[in-house]
Amino acid sequence: MDKKNTPSLRIEALKEINQKHSGNDVKTQAERALAGLLSLGSLTTQDIRQELDIMHPAGRIKELRDGGYKIPKVWEYYPTTNGKLHRMARYIFVGKVEVPA
């Protein structure tokens, strides 16, 4: 298993990103989401909401996509702290769309 993707190391990496990109304006939130995607390759809705303190993950991902980033979404099921399964998005960083000159 890739060590940076173990749960505790993922959380630590996301906490560092959250501290580095502090602020709640839309631009800073999008920067945090992008930094997390670049660092870890993918983020769940829960990662973005809980660890990066972004309350509207889909909105920030849409803004990144509008900015030329390829970020597809896949649906996965995760248990909540109560043990119930919930469908959640996982956003995967693919790259940036090259704009012809």
N, C-alpha and C. Protein backbone atom coordinates (compact mmCIF):
# COMPACT_ATOMS: atom_id res chain seq x y z
N MET A 1 0.84 -1.19 0.00
CA MET A 1 0.00 0.00 0.00
C MET A 1 0.88 1.24 0.00
N ASP A 2 0.46 2.24 -0.74
CA ASP A 2 1.17 3.51 -0.78
C ASP A 2 1.04 4.17 0.59
N LYS A 3 2.18 4.43 1.22
CA LYS A 3 2.16 4.94 2.60
C LYS A 3 1.42 6.26 2.73
N LYS A 4 1.52 7.14 1.72
CA LYS A 4 0.86 8.44 1.86
C LYS A 4 -0.66 8.30 1.81
N ASN A 5 -1.15 7.13 1.42
CA ASN A 5 -2.59 6.93 1.37
C ASN A 5 -3.13 6.13 2.55
N THR A 6 -2.30 5.86 3.56
CA THR A 6 -2.84 5.27 4.77
C THR A 6 -3.68 6.34 5.46
N PRO A 7 -4.76 5.96 6.12
CA PRO A 7 -5.67 6.97 6.68
C PRO A 7 -5.01 8.02 7.56
N SER A 8 -4.13 7.63 8.46
CA SER A 8 -3.54 8.62 9.37
C SER A 8 -2.61 9.58 8.63
N LEU A 9 -1.85 9.09 7.65
CA LEU A 9 -0.97 9.98 6.89
C LEU A 9 -1.75 10.89 5.95
N ARG A 10 -2.86 10.40 5.41
CA ARG A 10 -3.73 11.25 4.58
C ARG A 10 -4.26 12.40 5.42
N ILE A 11 -4.75 12.08 6.60
CA ILE A 11 -5.31 13.12 7.46
C ILE A 11 -4.25 14.15 7.83
N GLU A 12 -3.04 13.69 8.16
CA GLU A 12 -1.94 14.62 8.48
C GLU A 12 -1.63 15.52 7.30
N ALA A 13 -1.56 14.94 6.10
CA ALA A 13 -1.26 15.73 4.90
C ALA A 13 -2.35 16.78 4.67
N LEU A 14 -3.61 16.39 4.85
CA LEU A 14 -4.71 17.33 4.64
C LEU A 14 -4.72 18.42 5.71
N LYS A 15 -4.36 18.09 6.93
CA LYS A 15 -4.28 19.11 7.99
C LYS A 15 -3.20 20.13 7.68
N GLU A 16 -2.07 19.66 7.16
CA GLU A 16 -0.99 20.58 6.78
C GLU A 16 -1.45 21.51 5.66
N ILE A 17 -2.15 20.97 4.67
CA ILE A 17 -2.67 21.78 3.57
C ILE A 17 -3.65 22.81 4.11
N ASN A 18 -4.51 22.40 5.02
CA ASN A 18 -5.50 23.31 5.60
C ASN A 18 -4.81 24.47 6.32
N GLN A 19 -3.73 24.18 7.03
CA GLN A 19 -2.99 25.24 7.74
C GLN A 19 -2.26 26.16 6.77
N LYS A 20 -1.70 25.59 5.72
CA LYS A 20 -0.94 26.38 4.75
C LYS A 20 -1.84 27.33 3.96
N HIS A 21 -3.04 26.88 3.63
CA HIS A 21 -3.98 27.68 2.84
C HIS A 21 -5.14 28.08 3.73
N SER A 22 -4.87 28.92 4.72
CA SER A 22 -5.92 29.31 5.66
C SER A 22 -6.80 30.38 5.03
N GLY A 23 -8.00 30.48 5.52
CA GLY A 23 -8.96 31.45 5.00
C GLY A 23 -10.17 30.73 4.46
N ASN A 24 -11.28 31.42 4.42
CA ASN A 24 -12.51 30.79 3.98
C ASN A 24 -13.08 31.37 2.70
N ASP A 25 -12.35 32.26 2.05
CA ASP A 25 -12.86 32.77 0.79
C ASP A 25 -12.84 31.65 -0.25
N VAL A 26 -13.64 31.80 -1.28
CA VAL A 26 -13.81 30.75 -2.30
C VAL A 26 -12.48 30.40 -2.96
N LYS A 27 -11.68 31.39 -3.28
CA LYS A 27 -10.39 31.14 -3.94
C LYS A 27 -9.47 30.29 -3.07
N THR A 28 -9.39 30.62 -1.80
CA THR A 28 -8.52 29.87 -0.89
C THR A 28 -9.04 28.44 -0.70
N GLN A 29 -10.34 28.28 -0.61
CA GLN A 29 -10.90 26.94 -0.49
C GLN A 29 -10.56 26.11 -1.72
N ALA A 30 -10.68 26.69 -2.90
CA ALA A 30 -10.34 25.97 -4.13
C ALA A 30 -8.85 25.61 -4.14
N GLU A 31 -8.00 26.52 -3.65
CA GLU A 31 -6.56 26.24 -3.57
C GLU A 31 -6.30 25.05 -2.64
N ARG A 32 -7.03 24.99 -1.52
CA ARG A 32 -6.87 23.86 -0.60
C ARG A 32 -7.27 22.55 -1.27
N ALA A 33 -8.41 22.58 -1.96
CA ALA A 33 -8.88 21.36 -2.64
C ALA A 33 -7.87 20.92 -3.69
N LEU A 34 -7.36 21.86 -4.48
CA LEU A 34 -6.38 21.52 -5.51
C LEU A 34 -5.10 20.99 -4.87
N ALA A 35 -4.63 21.61 -3.81
CA ALA A 35 -3.42 21.14 -3.14
C ALA A 35 -3.61 19.71 -2.63
N GLY A 36 -4.79 19.42 -2.09
CA GLY A 36 -5.07 18.06 -1.62
C GLY A 36 -5.09 17.06 -2.76
N LEU A 37 -5.70 17.45 -3.88
CA LEU A 37 -5.73 16.56 -5.04
C LEU A 37 -4.34 16.33 -5.60
N LEU A 38 -3.54 17.39 -5.67
CA LEU A 38 -2.17 17.24 -6.19
C LEU A 38 -1.32 16.37 -5.26
N SER A 39 -1.52 16.52 -3.97
CA SER A 39 -0.72 15.78 -3.00
C SER A 39 -1.12 14.30 -2.92
N LEU A 40 -2.43 14.04 -2.92
CA LEU A 40 -2.91 12.69 -2.65
C LEU A 40 -3.50 11.97 -3.87
N GLY A 41 -3.76 12.70 -4.93
CA GLY A 41 -4.29 12.08 -6.15
C GLY A 41 -5.80 12.00 -6.19
N SER A 42 -6.44 11.88 -5.03
CA SER A 42 -7.90 11.85 -4.98
C SER A 42 -8.36 12.26 -3.58
N LEU A 43 -9.59 12.76 -3.53
CA LEU A 43 -10.18 13.17 -2.26
C LEU A 43 -11.65 12.78 -2.26
N THR A 44 -12.15 12.37 -1.11
CA THR A 44 -13.58 12.13 -0.98
C THR A 44 -14.26 13.41 -0.53
N THR A 45 -15.57 13.41 -0.66
CA THR A 45 -16.35 14.54 -0.15
C THR A 45 -16.03 14.76 1.33
N GLN A 46 -15.92 13.67 2.06
CA GLN A 46 -15.63 13.76 3.50
C GLN A 46 -14.24 14.35 3.75
N ASP A 47 -13.24 13.94 2.97
CA ASP A 47 -11.90 14.52 3.09
C ASP A 47 -11.97 16.04 2.95
N ILE A 48 -12.66 16.47 1.91
CA ILE A 48 -12.72 17.90 1.59
C ILE A 48 -13.48 18.66 2.67
N ARG A 49 -14.60 18.10 3.09
CA ARG A 49 -15.44 18.79 4.07
C ARG A 49 -14.80 18.79 5.45
N GLN A 50 -14.38 17.63 5.90
CA GLN A 50 -13.92 17.50 7.29
C GLN A 50 -12.48 17.96 7.48
N GLU A 51 -11.59 17.53 6.63
CA GLU A 51 -10.16 17.82 6.84
C GLU A 51 -9.71 19.14 6.20
N LEU A 52 -10.35 19.53 5.10
CA LEU A 52 -9.96 20.78 4.44
C LEU A 52 -10.91 21.93 4.77
N ASP A 53 -11.94 21.66 5.58
CA ASP A 53 -12.87 22.69 6.04
C ASP A 53 -13.54 23.43 4.89
N ILE A 54 -14.02 22.66 3.92
CA ILE A 54 -14.73 23.22 2.77
C ILE A 54 -16.14 22.65 2.81
N MET A 55 -17.13 23.50 3.06
CA MET A 55 -18.48 23.02 3.28
C MET A 55 -19.22 22.68 1.99
N HIS A 56 -18.76 23.17 0.85
CA HIS A 56 -19.42 22.86 -0.43
C HIS A 56 -18.39 22.28 -1.40
N PRO A 57 -17.98 21.02 -1.18
CA PRO A 57 -16.94 20.41 -2.01
C PRO A 57 -17.27 20.42 -3.50
N ALA A 58 -18.50 20.09 -3.85
CA ALA A 58 -18.86 20.02 -5.28
C ALA A 58 -18.69 21.38 -5.96
N GLY A 59 -18.99 22.45 -5.25
CA GLY A 59 -18.82 23.79 -5.81
C GLY A 59 -17.37 24.12 -6.09
N ARG A 60 -16.49 23.78 -5.14
CA ARG A 60 -15.07 24.06 -5.34
C ARG A 60 -14.50 23.20 -6.48
N ILE A 61 -14.93 21.94 -6.56
CA ILE A 61 -14.45 21.07 -7.64
C ILE A 61 -14.94 21.61 -8.98
N LYS A 62 -16.17 22.08 -9.05
CA LYS A 62 -16.69 22.66 -10.29
C LYS A 62 -15.85 23.85 -10.72
N GLU A 63 -15.48 24.70 -9.76
CA GLU A 63 -14.65 25.86 -10.08
C GLU A 63 -13.29 25.43 -10.61
N LEU A 64 -12.71 24.38 -10.02
CA LEU A 64 -11.43 23.88 -10.52
C LEU A 64 -11.59 23.32 -11.94
N ARG A 65 -12.68 22.59 -12.17
CA ARG A 65 -12.95 22.07 -13.51
C ARG A 65 -13.12 23.21 -14.51
N ASP A 66 -13.85 24.25 -14.10
CA ASP A 66 -14.03 25.42 -14.96
C ASP A 66 -12.71 26.11 -15.25
N GLY A 67 -11.74 25.95 -14.36
CA GLY A 67 -10.40 26.50 -14.54
C GLY A 67 -9.49 25.61 -15.37
N GLY A 68 -10.03 24.52 -15.89
CA GLY A 68 -9.26 23.68 -16.80
C GLY A 68 -8.71 22.39 -16.20
N TYR A 69 -9.04 22.09 -14.97
CA TYR A 69 -8.54 20.86 -14.35
C TYR A 69 -9.47 19.69 -14.65
N LYS A 70 -8.87 18.56 -15.00
CA LYS A 70 -9.63 17.33 -15.22
C LYS A 70 -9.77 16.61 -13.88
N ILE A 71 -10.98 16.57 -13.37
CA ILE A 71 -11.24 15.96 -12.07
C ILE A 71 -12.53 15.13 -12.18
N PRO A 72 -12.42 13.90 -12.65
CA PRO A 72 -13.62 13.07 -12.70
C PRO A 72 -14.06 12.65 -11.30
N LYS A 73 -15.31 12.22 -11.23
CA LYS A 73 -15.89 11.79 -9.96
C LYS A 73 -16.33 10.33 -10.10
N VAL A 74 -16.05 9.55 -9.08
CA VAL A 74 -16.59 8.20 -9.00
C VAL A 74 -17.37 8.10 -7.69
N TRP A 75 -18.38 7.24 -7.69
CA TRP A 75 -19.18 7.06 -6.49
C TRP A 75 -18.70 5.83 -5.74
N GLU A 76 -18.55 5.98 -4.43
CA GLU A 76 -18.14 4.89 -3.56
C GLU A 76 -19.04 4.90 -2.32
N TYR A 77 -19.01 3.81 -1.58
CA TYR A 77 -19.80 3.71 -0.35
C TYR A 77 -18.86 3.67 0.85
N TYR A 78 -19.16 4.50 1.84
CA TYR A 78 -18.34 4.58 3.05
C TYR A 78 -19.25 4.51 4.27
N PRO A 79 -18.79 3.84 5.34
CA PRO A 79 -19.59 3.83 6.56
C PRO A 79 -19.43 5.14 7.34
N THR A 80 -20.52 5.57 7.93
CA THR A 80 -20.45 6.73 8.81
C THR A 80 -19.99 6.26 10.19
N THR A 81 -19.83 7.18 11.11
CA THR A 81 -19.44 6.79 12.47
C THR A 81 -20.51 5.93 13.12
N ASN A 82 -21.75 6.00 12.61
CA ASN A 82 -22.84 5.17 13.12
C ASN A 82 -22.90 3.81 12.43
N GLY A 83 -22.01 3.58 11.48
CA GLY A 83 -21.96 2.29 10.82
C GLY A 83 -22.85 2.15 9.60
N LYS A 84 -23.55 3.20 9.21
CA LYS A 84 -24.41 3.14 8.02
C LYS A 84 -23.61 3.49 6.78
N LEU A 85 -23.89 2.79 5.68
CA LEU A 85 -23.20 3.09 4.43
C LEU A 85 -23.87 4.26 3.74
N HIS A 86 -23.03 5.17 3.24
CA HIS A 86 -23.51 6.31 2.47
C HIS A 86 -22.71 6.41 1.18
N ARG A 87 -23.41 6.76 0.11
CA ARG A 87 -22.73 6.97 -1.16
C ARG A 87 -22.04 8.33 -1.10
N MET A 88 -20.78 8.35 -1.52
CA MET A 88 -19.99 9.56 -1.45
C MET A 88 -19.12 9.68 -2.70
N ALA A 89 -18.91 10.89 -3.13
CA ALA A 89 -18.06 11.12 -4.29
C ALA A 89 -16.59 11.02 -3.92
N ARG A 90 -15.81 10.46 -4.83
CA ARG A 90 -14.35 10.53 -4.76
C ARG A 90 -13.94 11.28 -6.02
N TYR A 91 -13.22 12.38 -5.83
CA TYR A 91 -12.73 13.19 -6.92
C TYR A 91 -11.28 12.80 -7.20
N ILE A 92 -10.98 12.56 -8.47
CA ILE A 92 -9.66 12.06 -8.86
C ILE A 92 -8.97 13.10 -9.74
N PHE A 93 -7.77 13.47 -9.37
CA PHE A 93 -7.02 14.44 -10.17
C PHE A 93 -6.38 13.73 -11.35
N VAL A 94 -6.69 14.21 -12.56
CA VAL A 94 -6.12 13.63 -13.77
C VAL A 94 -5.08 14.56 -14.39
N GLY A 95 -5.32 15.85 -14.33
CA GLY A 95 -4.38 16.81 -14.90
C GLY A 95 -5.09 18.09 -15.27
N LYS A 96 -4.42 18.90 -16.04
CA LYS A 96 -4.98 20.16 -16.49
C LYS A 96 -5.15 20.10 -18.00
N VAL A 97 -6.27 20.59 -18.48
CA VAL A 97 -6.54 20.61 -19.90
C VAL A 97 -5.63 21.67 -20.53
N GLU A 98 -4.93 21.26 -21.55
CA GLU A 98 -4.07 22.21 -22.27
C GLU A 98 -4.92 23.05 -23.22
N VAL A 99 -4.84 24.34 -23.08
CA VAL A 99 -5.60 25.24 -23.94
C VAL A 99 -4.73 25.60 -25.14
N PRO A 100 -5.22 25.35 -26.37
CA PRO A 100 -4.41 25.69 -27.54
C PRO A 100 -4.15 27.20 -27.63
N ALA A 101 -2.98 27.54 -28.07
CA ALA A 101 -2.59 28.97 -28.16
C ALA A 101 -3.22 29.66 -29.34
